[in-house]
Amino acid sequence: MTGRFKVVFSEEAEEDLLRLFDFALKRELESAAADLTIPECAVEAIRTGCSFLAHSPFSCRKAPPGDNAFVRELLISFGTSGYVALFEIVDSTTVIVGAVRHQREDDYR
């Protein structure tokens, strides 16, 4: 079943995915019990989580400061924490993911 909205990742969001992959890979390489599948699984979890936006983008929380009802955040669980995707509902058919960060990061880059 396809959604009503097309979900598009901006160039910045794609760069965020690469940055998050690199960070997870570095962390795993430095670990005594490295699992080199984790970085790929993390990016896949983000992409899969964002597929939810094709069906129900308005169910996600408004992004701070909350002035624009069309700019929202999606929480994506992964491991003991997860990720946050900042997105905008552009029109009745398109959602653009503008940025992705780890939940423990201070803010979007």
N, C-alpha and C. Protein backbone atom coordinates (compact mmCIF):
# COMPACT_ATOMS: atom_id res chain seq x y z
N MET A 1 0.83 -1.17 0.00
CA MET A 1 0.00 0.00 0.00
C MET A 1 0.89 1.24 0.00
N THR A 2 0.65 2.15 -0.93
CA THR A 2 1.43 3.37 -1.00
C THR A 2 0.73 4.47 -0.22
N GLY A 3 1.51 5.46 0.18
CA GLY A 3 0.95 6.55 0.95
C GLY A 3 0.45 7.68 0.07
N ARG A 4 -0.16 8.61 0.72
CA ARG A 4 -0.69 9.77 0.03
C ARG A 4 0.41 10.77 -0.28
N PHE A 5 1.48 10.78 0.53
CA PHE A 5 2.57 11.74 0.38
C PHE A 5 3.82 11.06 -0.19
N LYS A 6 4.52 11.76 -1.03
CA LYS A 6 5.84 11.33 -1.50
C LYS A 6 6.85 11.88 -0.51
N VAL A 7 7.73 11.03 -0.01
CA VAL A 7 8.74 11.45 0.97
C VAL A 7 10.08 11.59 0.24
N VAL A 8 10.66 12.80 0.33
CA VAL A 8 11.91 13.12 -0.36
C VAL A 8 12.93 13.56 0.68
N PHE A 9 14.15 13.05 0.57
CA PHE A 9 15.25 13.50 1.43
C PHE A 9 15.99 14.63 0.73
N SER A 10 16.16 15.75 1.43
CA SER A 10 16.94 16.86 0.87
C SER A 10 18.42 16.45 0.81
N GLU A 11 19.19 17.23 0.09
CA GLU A 11 20.63 16.98 0.02
C GLU A 11 21.25 17.03 1.42
N GLU A 12 20.81 17.97 2.23
CA GLU A 12 21.32 18.10 3.60
C GLU A 12 20.99 16.87 4.43
N ALA A 13 19.78 16.35 4.27
CA ALA A 13 19.39 15.15 5.01
C ALA A 13 20.21 13.94 4.57
N GLU A 14 20.49 13.84 3.27
CA GLU A 14 21.34 12.74 2.78
C GLU A 14 22.75 12.87 3.36
N GLU A 15 23.25 14.09 3.47
CA GLU A 15 24.56 14.31 4.09
C GLU A 15 24.53 13.93 5.56
N ASP A 16 23.42 14.22 6.23
CA ASP A 16 23.27 13.81 7.63
C ASP A 16 23.33 12.29 7.77
N LEU A 17 22.70 11.57 6.85
CA LEU A 17 22.74 10.10 6.89
C LEU A 17 24.17 9.60 6.76
N LEU A 18 24.94 10.21 5.88
CA LEU A 18 26.35 9.81 5.73
C LEU A 18 27.14 10.12 7.00
N ARG A 19 26.90 11.28 7.59
CA ARG A 19 27.58 11.67 8.83
C ARG A 19 27.23 10.71 9.96
N LEU A 20 25.95 10.37 10.08
CA LEU A 20 25.52 9.45 11.13
C LEU A 20 26.07 8.05 10.91
N PHE A 21 26.13 7.62 9.66
CA PHE A 21 26.74 6.33 9.33
C PHE A 21 28.22 6.32 9.74
N ASP A 22 28.94 7.37 9.35
CA ASP A 22 30.37 7.45 9.69
C ASP A 22 30.60 7.46 11.20
N PHE A 23 29.76 8.19 11.93
CA PHE A 23 29.89 8.24 13.38
C PHE A 23 29.67 6.85 13.98
N ALA A 24 28.62 6.16 13.54
CA ALA A 24 28.33 4.82 14.07
C ALA A 24 29.43 3.84 13.70
N LEU A 25 29.97 3.95 12.49
CA LEU A 25 31.06 3.07 12.07
C LEU A 25 32.30 3.31 12.93
N LYS A 26 32.65 4.56 13.16
CA LYS A 26 33.81 4.87 14.00
C LYS A 26 33.62 4.31 15.41
N ARG A 27 32.41 4.49 15.95
CA ARG A 27 32.12 3.99 17.30
C ARG A 27 32.28 2.47 17.35
N GLU A 28 31.78 1.78 16.32
CA GLU A 28 31.89 0.32 16.30
C GLU A 28 33.32 -0.14 16.11
N LEU A 29 34.08 0.55 15.29
CA LEU A 29 35.48 0.17 15.08
C LEU A 29 36.32 0.34 16.35
N GLU A 30 35.91 1.28 17.20
CA GLU A 30 36.61 1.51 18.47
C GLU A 30 36.12 0.60 19.59
N SER A 31 35.07 -0.14 19.34
CA SER A 31 34.48 -1.01 20.35
C SER A 31 35.19 -2.36 20.41
N ALA A 32 35.26 -2.92 21.60
CA ALA A 32 35.86 -4.25 21.75
C ALA A 32 35.01 -5.33 21.12
N ALA A 33 33.71 -5.10 21.08
CA ALA A 33 32.79 -6.07 20.49
C ALA A 33 32.10 -5.45 19.27
N ALA A 34 32.91 -5.02 18.31
CA ALA A 34 32.40 -4.30 17.14
C ALA A 34 31.39 -5.11 16.34
N ASP A 35 30.31 -4.46 15.98
CA ASP A 35 29.30 -5.04 15.10
C ASP A 35 29.18 -4.09 13.90
N LEU A 36 29.84 -4.45 12.82
CA LEU A 36 29.91 -3.56 11.67
C LEU A 36 28.62 -3.50 10.87
N THR A 37 27.60 -4.23 11.28
CA THR A 37 26.29 -4.12 10.62
C THR A 37 25.46 -2.97 11.21
N ILE A 38 25.84 -2.48 12.38
CA ILE A 38 25.05 -1.46 13.06
C ILE A 38 24.93 -0.17 12.26
N PRO A 39 26.00 0.38 11.67
CA PRO A 39 25.84 1.63 10.91
C PRO A 39 24.82 1.51 9.77
N GLU A 40 24.88 0.43 9.05
CA GLU A 40 23.92 0.23 7.96
C GLU A 40 22.50 0.05 8.50
N CYS A 41 22.38 -0.67 9.59
CA CYS A 41 21.05 -0.87 10.20
C CYS A 41 20.48 0.46 10.70
N ALA A 42 21.34 1.33 11.21
CA ALA A 42 20.89 2.64 11.70
C ALA A 42 20.31 3.47 10.55
N VAL A 43 21.02 3.53 9.44
CA VAL A 43 20.53 4.29 8.28
C VAL A 43 19.24 3.68 7.75
N GLU A 44 19.18 2.37 7.72
CA GLU A 44 17.96 1.70 7.26
C GLU A 44 16.79 2.00 8.20
N ALA A 45 17.05 2.05 9.51
CA ALA A 45 16.00 2.38 10.47
C ALA A 45 15.48 3.79 10.25
N ILE A 46 16.38 4.71 9.91
CA ILE A 46 15.97 6.09 9.64
C ILE A 46 15.09 6.14 8.39
N ARG A 47 15.54 5.49 7.32
CA ARG A 47 14.76 5.51 6.07
C ARG A 47 13.40 4.83 6.27
N THR A 48 13.40 3.71 6.98
CA THR A 48 12.14 3.01 7.24
C THR A 48 11.22 3.86 8.11
N GLY A 49 11.79 4.48 9.13
CA GLY A 49 10.99 5.36 9.98
C GLY A 49 10.37 6.50 9.21
N CYS A 50 11.13 7.08 8.30
CA CYS A 50 10.62 8.20 7.50
C CYS A 50 9.55 7.77 6.51
N SER A 51 9.49 6.49 6.19
CA SER A 51 8.43 6.02 5.29
C SER A 51 7.05 6.19 5.94
N PHE A 52 7.01 6.27 7.26
CA PHE A 52 5.77 6.54 7.98
C PHE A 52 5.15 7.87 7.54
N LEU A 53 6.01 8.82 7.14
CA LEU A 53 5.55 10.14 6.75
C LEU A 53 4.67 10.11 5.50
N ALA A 54 4.78 9.06 4.71
CA ALA A 54 3.94 8.93 3.51
C ALA A 54 2.47 8.77 3.88
N HIS A 55 2.21 8.35 5.10
CA HIS A 55 0.84 8.07 5.52
C HIS A 55 0.29 9.08 6.52
N SER A 56 1.11 9.51 7.48
CA SER A 56 0.58 10.32 8.59
C SER A 56 1.55 11.40 9.06
N PRO A 57 1.97 12.31 8.20
CA PRO A 57 2.95 13.31 8.66
C PRO A 57 2.39 14.27 9.70
N PHE A 58 1.09 14.51 9.67
CA PHE A 58 0.51 15.45 10.63
C PHE A 58 0.41 14.88 12.04
N SER A 59 0.66 13.59 12.21
CA SER A 59 0.61 13.00 13.54
C SER A 59 1.91 13.22 14.32
N CYS A 60 2.93 13.74 13.66
CA CYS A 60 4.22 14.01 14.33
C CYS A 60 4.17 15.36 15.02
N ARG A 61 5.05 15.51 16.01
CA ARG A 61 5.06 16.75 16.80
C ARG A 61 5.57 17.93 15.97
N LYS A 62 5.05 19.11 16.31
CA LYS A 62 5.53 20.34 15.67
C LYS A 62 6.95 20.60 16.13
N ALA A 63 7.77 21.08 15.20
CA ALA A 63 9.16 21.39 15.54
C ALA A 63 9.22 22.72 16.27
N PRO A 64 10.11 22.82 17.25
CA PRO A 64 10.26 24.09 17.96
C PRO A 64 10.67 25.18 16.97
N PRO A 65 10.25 26.40 17.10
CA PRO A 65 9.39 26.91 18.16
C PRO A 65 7.91 26.65 17.93
N GLY A 66 7.53 25.95 16.88
CA GLY A 66 6.14 25.57 16.68
C GLY A 66 5.28 26.59 15.97
N ASP A 67 5.89 27.60 15.36
CA ASP A 67 5.12 28.62 14.65
C ASP A 67 4.54 28.10 13.34
N ASN A 68 5.22 27.16 12.71
CA ASN A 68 4.78 26.64 11.42
C ASN A 68 4.23 25.23 11.61
N ALA A 69 2.95 25.06 11.40
CA ALA A 69 2.30 23.75 11.60
C ALA A 69 2.76 22.72 10.59
N PHE A 70 3.47 23.14 9.56
CA PHE A 70 3.91 22.22 8.51
C PHE A 70 5.34 21.75 8.69
N VAL A 71 6.05 22.29 9.67
CA VAL A 71 7.41 21.85 9.99
C VAL A 71 7.32 21.02 11.27
N ARG A 72 7.74 19.76 11.16
CA ARG A 72 7.52 18.82 12.25
C ARG A 72 8.73 17.92 12.45
N GLU A 73 8.69 17.14 13.52
CA GLU A 73 9.76 16.20 13.84
C GLU A 73 9.21 14.80 14.02
N LEU A 74 9.96 13.85 13.51
CA LEU A 74 9.62 12.43 13.66
C LEU A 74 10.68 11.79 14.54
N LEU A 75 10.25 11.12 15.61
CA LEU A 75 11.17 10.37 16.46
C LEU A 75 11.31 8.96 15.90
N ILE A 76 12.56 8.50 15.78
CA ILE A 76 12.84 7.19 15.21
C ILE A 76 13.66 6.40 16.22
N SER A 77 13.10 5.34 16.74
CA SER A 77 13.79 4.51 17.72
C SER A 77 14.88 3.68 17.05
N PHE A 78 16.02 3.56 17.78
CA PHE A 78 17.09 2.67 17.33
C PHE A 78 18.00 2.42 18.52
N GLY A 79 18.11 1.18 18.90
CA GLY A 79 18.96 0.83 20.05
C GLY A 79 18.40 1.44 21.32
N THR A 80 19.28 2.01 22.13
CA THR A 80 18.85 2.59 23.40
C THR A 80 18.39 4.04 23.26
N SER A 81 18.55 4.62 22.10
CA SER A 81 18.06 5.99 21.86
C SER A 81 17.42 6.04 20.48
N GLY A 82 17.97 6.79 19.58
CA GLY A 82 17.41 6.85 18.24
C GLY A 82 17.76 8.15 17.54
N TYR A 83 16.89 8.55 16.63
CA TYR A 83 17.14 9.69 15.77
C TYR A 83 15.90 10.58 15.71
N VAL A 84 16.11 11.82 15.24
CA VAL A 84 15.03 12.76 15.04
C VAL A 84 15.15 13.30 13.62
N ALA A 85 14.07 13.20 12.86
CA ALA A 85 14.05 13.73 11.49
C ALA A 85 13.19 14.99 11.47
N LEU A 86 13.77 16.07 10.98
CA LEU A 86 13.05 17.32 10.79
C LEU A 86 12.51 17.32 9.38
N PHE A 87 11.22 17.57 9.24
CA PHE A 87 10.63 17.53 7.90
C PHE A 87 9.59 18.63 7.74
N GLU A 88 9.26 18.90 6.48
CA GLU A 88 8.23 19.88 6.16
C GLU A 88 7.21 19.25 5.23
N ILE A 89 5.97 19.49 5.53
CA ILE A 89 4.88 19.07 4.65
C ILE A 89 4.72 20.22 3.66
N VAL A 90 5.19 20.00 2.43
CA VAL A 90 5.27 21.06 1.44
C VAL A 90 3.91 21.36 0.81
N ASP A 91 3.20 20.31 0.47
CA ASP A 91 1.87 20.46 -0.12
C ASP A 91 1.09 19.18 0.14
N SER A 92 -0.01 19.00 -0.54
CA SER A 92 -0.87 17.85 -0.27
C SER A 92 -0.31 16.53 -0.78
N THR A 93 0.88 16.57 -1.41
CA THR A 93 1.46 15.33 -1.94
C THR A 93 2.92 15.12 -1.58
N THR A 94 3.58 16.11 -0.96
CA THR A 94 5.03 16.02 -0.77
C THR A 94 5.46 16.37 0.64
N VAL A 95 6.34 15.52 1.17
CA VAL A 95 7.01 15.76 2.45
C VAL A 95 8.51 15.74 2.16
N ILE A 96 9.22 16.78 2.65
CA ILE A 96 10.66 16.84 2.46
C ILE A 96 11.34 16.69 3.82
N VAL A 97 12.20 15.68 3.94
CA VAL A 97 13.02 15.51 5.14
C VAL A 97 14.21 16.44 4.96
N GLY A 98 14.33 17.41 5.86
CA GLY A 98 15.36 18.43 5.71
C GLY A 98 16.62 18.16 6.49
N ALA A 99 16.51 17.41 7.59
CA ALA A 99 17.67 17.14 8.43
C ALA A 99 17.38 15.93 9.31
N VAL A 100 18.45 15.25 9.71
CA VAL A 100 18.34 14.12 10.62
C VAL A 100 19.48 14.25 11.63
N ARG A 101 19.15 14.01 12.89
CA ARG A 101 20.17 14.06 13.93
C ARG A 101 19.95 12.90 14.89
N HIS A 102 20.99 12.59 15.64
CA HIS A 102 20.87 11.61 16.72
C HIS A 102 20.14 12.29 17.86
N GLN A 103 19.34 11.55 18.61
CA GLN A 103 18.57 12.14 19.71
C GLN A 103 19.46 12.79 20.77
N ARG A 104 20.69 12.37 20.88
CA ARG A 104 21.59 12.93 21.89
C ARG A 104 22.38 14.14 21.39
N GLU A 105 22.23 14.48 20.11
CA GLU A 105 22.86 15.69 19.59
C GLU A 105 22.05 16.90 20.08
N ASP A 106 22.73 18.03 20.20
CA ASP A 106 22.06 19.23 20.69
C ASP A 106 21.01 19.76 19.72
N ASP A 107 21.33 19.83 18.46
CA ASP A 107 20.41 20.40 17.50
C ASP A 107 20.79 19.92 16.11
N TYR A 108 19.97 20.30 15.13
CA TYR A 108 20.30 19.95 13.76
C TYR A 108 21.50 20.74 13.32
N ARG A 109 22.28 20.18 12.42
CA ARG A 109 23.49 20.86 11.93
C ARG A 109 23.12 21.92 10.93
